[in-house]
N, C-alpha and C. Protein backbone atom coordinates (compact mmCIF):
# COMPACT_ATOMS: atom_id res chain seq x y z
N MET A 1 -15.76 5.28 -13.59
CA MET A 1 -16.71 5.93 -12.95
C MET A 1 -15.59 6.02 -11.48
N ILE A 2 -15.23 5.19 -10.70
CA ILE A 2 -14.39 5.13 -9.53
C ILE A 2 -13.07 6.14 -10.08
N VAL A 3 -12.50 6.19 -11.30
CA VAL A 3 -11.17 6.97 -11.28
C VAL A 3 -11.73 8.10 -11.65
N LYS A 4 -12.74 8.61 -12.51
CA LYS A 4 -13.39 9.52 -12.78
C LYS A 4 -13.36 10.67 -11.42
N LYS A 5 -14.04 9.82 -10.19
CA LYS A 5 -14.40 10.48 -8.98
C LYS A 5 -12.89 10.77 -8.28
N LEU A 6 -12.09 9.88 -8.33
CA LEU A 6 -10.70 10.06 -7.65
C LEU A 6 -10.07 11.00 -8.44
N HIS A 7 -10.23 11.36 -9.66
CA HIS A 7 -9.51 12.65 -10.15
C HIS A 7 -9.96 13.77 -10.14
N ASP A 8 -11.51 13.57 -9.99
CA ASP A 8 -12.12 14.87 -9.83
C ASP A 8 -11.93 15.53 -8.32
N CYS A 9 -11.75 14.69 -7.46
CA CYS A 9 -11.40 14.97 -5.63
C CYS A 9 -10.28 15.58 -5.94
N GLY A 10 -9.11 15.70 -6.82
CA GLY A 10 -7.97 15.78 -6.73
C GLY A 10 -6.44 14.70 -6.55
N ILE A 11 -6.92 13.47 -6.48
CA ILE A 11 -6.12 12.46 -6.63
C ILE A 11 -5.76 12.26 -7.98
N ARG A 12 -4.56 12.30 -8.08
CA ARG A 12 -3.67 12.04 -9.62
C ARG A 12 -2.53 10.53 -9.38
N SER A 13 -2.19 10.32 -10.65
CA SER A 13 -1.08 8.94 -10.33
C SER A 13 -0.38 9.21 -9.46
N GLU A 14 0.42 10.24 -9.70
CA GLU A 14 1.69 10.14 -8.60
C GLU A 14 1.27 9.91 -7.09
N HIS A 15 -0.03 10.31 -6.91
CA HIS A 15 -0.57 10.08 -5.43
C HIS A 15 -0.65 8.41 -5.19
N ALA A 16 -1.04 7.77 -6.17
CA ALA A 16 -1.32 6.46 -5.98
C ALA A 16 -0.09 5.71 -5.85
N TYR A 17 1.04 6.22 -6.91
CA TYR A 17 2.32 5.59 -6.89
C TYR A 17 3.05 5.48 -5.63
N ALA A 18 2.80 6.83 -4.76
CA ALA A 18 3.38 7.30 -3.51
C ALA A 18 2.78 6.42 -2.64
N ALA A 19 1.85 6.36 -2.80
CA ALA A 19 0.96 5.34 -1.75
C ALA A 19 1.24 3.82 -1.77
N ALA A 20 1.60 3.66 -2.89
CA ALA A 20 2.11 1.94 -3.36
C ALA A 20 3.36 2.00 -2.39
N ILE A 21 4.07 2.89 -2.74
CA ILE A 21 5.68 2.60 -2.31
C ILE A 21 5.61 2.94 -0.91
N ALA A 22 4.73 3.88 -0.40
CA ALA A 22 4.55 4.06 1.00
C ALA A 22 3.93 2.45 1.36
N SER A 23 3.10 1.94 1.11
CA SER A 23 3.03 0.93 1.65
C SER A 23 3.57 -0.62 2.00
N ILE A 24 4.59 -0.18 0.70
CA ILE A 24 5.89 -1.38 0.82
C ILE A 24 6.68 -1.13 1.87
N GLY A 25 7.07 0.29 1.84
CA GLY A 25 7.93 0.61 3.08
C GLY A 25 7.28 0.08 4.64
N LEU A 26 5.83 0.66 4.71
CA LEU A 26 5.15 0.20 6.00
C LEU A 26 5.12 -1.24 6.28
N SER A 27 5.02 -1.92 4.97
CA SER A 27 5.27 -3.47 5.27
C SER A 27 6.06 -3.68 5.92
N VAL A 28 7.50 -3.52 5.60
CA VAL A 28 8.75 -3.91 6.09
C VAL A 28 8.80 -3.58 7.62
N LEU A 29 8.11 -2.34 7.56
CA LEU A 29 8.26 -1.65 9.08
C LEU A 29 7.48 -2.39 9.98
N SER A 30 6.22 -2.51 9.64
CA SER A 30 5.27 -3.42 10.51
C SER A 30 5.62 -4.66 10.43
N TRP A 31 6.73 -5.54 10.00
CA TRP A 31 6.96 -6.91 10.09
C TRP A 31 7.92 -6.63 11.00
N ALA A 32 8.96 -5.69 11.12
CA ALA A 32 10.12 -5.59 11.85
C ALA A 32 9.49 -4.98 13.13
N THR A 33 8.56 -4.33 13.04
CA THR A 33 7.91 -4.09 14.69
C THR A 33 7.20 -5.06 15.24
N SER A 34 6.36 -6.08 14.51
CA SER A 34 5.67 -6.92 15.30
C SER A 34 6.66 -7.94 15.74
N LEU A 35 8.00 -8.05 14.94
CA LEU A 35 8.68 -9.07 15.65
C LEU A 35 9.59 -8.86 16.21
N GLN A 36 9.67 -7.32 16.69
CA GLN A 36 10.37 -7.05 18.10
C GLN A 36 9.37 -6.85 18.94
N ALA A 37 8.35 -6.37 18.82
CA ALA A 37 7.11 -6.28 20.14
C ALA A 37 6.40 -7.34 20.31
N GLU A 38 6.49 -8.56 19.87
CA GLU A 38 5.93 -9.53 20.04
C GLU A 38 6.62 -10.69 20.15
N PRO A 39 7.93 -10.87 20.72
CA PRO A 39 8.77 -11.71 20.83
C PRO A 39 8.22 -13.10 20.96
N GLY A 40 7.25 -13.45 21.72
CA GLY A 40 7.01 -14.60 21.99
C GLY A 40 5.76 -15.47 20.89
N GLN A 41 5.23 -14.32 20.25
CA GLN A 41 4.35 -15.02 19.31
C GLN A 41 4.90 -15.40 18.01
N GLY A 42 6.24 -15.23 17.73
CA GLY A 42 6.63 -15.92 16.57
C GLY A 42 6.71 -15.55 15.29
N VAL A 43 7.77 -15.69 14.35
CA VAL A 43 7.73 -15.06 12.86
C VAL A 43 6.41 -15.16 12.34
N GLU A 44 5.69 -15.97 12.53
CA GLU A 44 4.39 -16.10 11.87
C GLU A 44 3.52 -14.66 11.92
N ARG A 45 3.21 -14.42 13.19
CA ARG A 45 2.46 -13.39 13.54
C ARG A 45 3.08 -12.01 12.87
N ALA A 46 4.22 -11.99 12.80
CA ALA A 46 4.99 -10.68 12.33
C ALA A 46 4.58 -10.88 10.45
N ASP A 47 4.75 -12.23 9.90
CA ASP A 47 4.69 -11.90 8.73
C ASP A 47 3.72 -11.99 8.12
N ARG A 48 2.37 -12.00 8.68
CA ARG A 48 1.08 -11.92 8.76
C ARG A 48 0.83 -10.34 8.68
N TRP A 49 1.24 -9.67 9.60
CA TRP A 49 1.21 -8.02 9.64
C TRP A 49 1.98 -7.81 8.38
N GLY A 50 3.13 -8.01 8.03
CA GLY A 50 3.61 -7.72 6.96
C GLY A 50 3.12 -7.81 5.37
N ILE A 51 2.84 -9.14 5.42
CA ILE A 51 1.65 -9.48 4.16
C ILE A 51 0.42 -8.51 3.99
N PHE A 52 -0.04 -8.25 4.91
CA PHE A 52 -1.42 -7.58 5.22
C PHE A 52 -1.00 -6.51 4.82
N VAL A 53 -0.42 -5.65 5.10
CA VAL A 53 0.19 -4.11 4.83
C VAL A 53 0.70 -4.12 3.28
N GLY A 54 1.47 -5.30 2.84
CA GLY A 54 1.79 -5.46 1.62
C GLY A 54 0.95 -5.64 0.66
N GLU A 55 -0.24 -5.87 0.89
CA GLU A 55 -0.88 -6.12 -0.15
C GLU A 55 -2.04 -5.12 -0.89
N TRP A 56 -1.60 -3.94 0.02
CA TRP A 56 -1.95 -2.65 -0.51
C TRP A 56 -1.48 -2.41 -1.58
N ALA A 57 -0.15 -2.53 -1.68
CA ALA A 57 0.70 -1.83 -2.83
C ALA A 57 0.22 -2.42 -4.49
N PRO A 58 -0.04 -3.61 -4.68
CA PRO A 58 -0.94 -3.78 -5.93
C PRO A 58 -2.18 -2.99 -6.07
N THR A 59 -2.87 -2.66 -5.29
CA THR A 59 -4.30 -1.81 -5.34
C THR A 59 -3.83 -0.53 -5.73
N PHE A 60 -2.91 -0.10 -5.24
CA PHE A 60 -2.36 1.38 -5.23
C PHE A 60 -1.65 1.29 -6.83
N PHE A 61 -0.99 0.65 -7.11
CA PHE A 61 -0.28 0.68 -8.30
C PHE A 61 -1.31 0.71 -9.44
N GLY A 62 -2.49 -0.09 -9.21
CA GLY A 62 -3.42 -0.56 -10.29
C GLY A 62 -3.94 0.70 -10.44
N LEU A 63 -4.39 1.52 -9.40
CA LEU A 63 -5.14 3.13 -9.25
C LEU A 63 -4.51 3.65 -10.20
N GLY A 64 -2.97 3.73 -9.90
CA GLY A 64 -2.11 4.85 -10.27
C GLY A 64 -1.81 4.57 -11.89
N LEU A 65 -2.22 3.28 -12.58
CA LEU A 65 -2.09 2.90 -13.64
C LEU A 65 -3.47 3.71 -14.20
N ALA A 66 -4.65 3.12 -13.64
CA ALA A 66 -5.82 3.66 -14.22
C ALA A 66 -5.73 5.17 -14.36
N LEU A 67 -5.39 5.88 -13.16
CA LEU A 67 -5.44 7.25 -13.08
C LEU A 67 -4.52 7.72 -14.25
N SER A 68 -3.71 7.30 -14.51
CA SER A 68 -2.39 7.90 -15.23
C SER A 68 -3.05 7.47 -16.64
N THR A 69 -4.10 6.60 -17.13
CA THR A 69 -4.61 6.40 -18.23
C THR A 69 -5.77 7.56 -18.41
N TYR A 70 -6.59 7.68 -17.31
CA TYR A 70 -7.42 8.63 -17.82
C TYR A 70 -6.82 10.20 -17.75
N GLU A 71 -5.83 10.35 -17.11
CA GLU A 71 -5.05 11.72 -17.50
C GLU A 71 -4.65 11.94 -18.59
N LYS A 72 -4.42 10.89 -19.61
CA LYS A 72 -4.12 11.15 -20.81
C LYS A 72 -5.02 11.27 -21.64
C-alpha cells in the first residue's frame, strides 16, 4: 500500500537509491562537521550524529528494492 502510494506520487526506485547514497555522504559530512564545530564535546557526540544520519540509508535502500519490485 505504501509502495503503491509512493509510486503513484512519482517516486521511483532510482530516487530511493539516490537518497540512500546521499544519506551515506551526509553521514560522513555531519560526523566531520560535528567533530570540528564542537571540539569540546569529543568524538562521541560526532559519532552519534554520523550514526543517526547513517541509519537512514538502509530504509531508503529497502524502499528502493520495494519500488523496484513494484515497477516490474
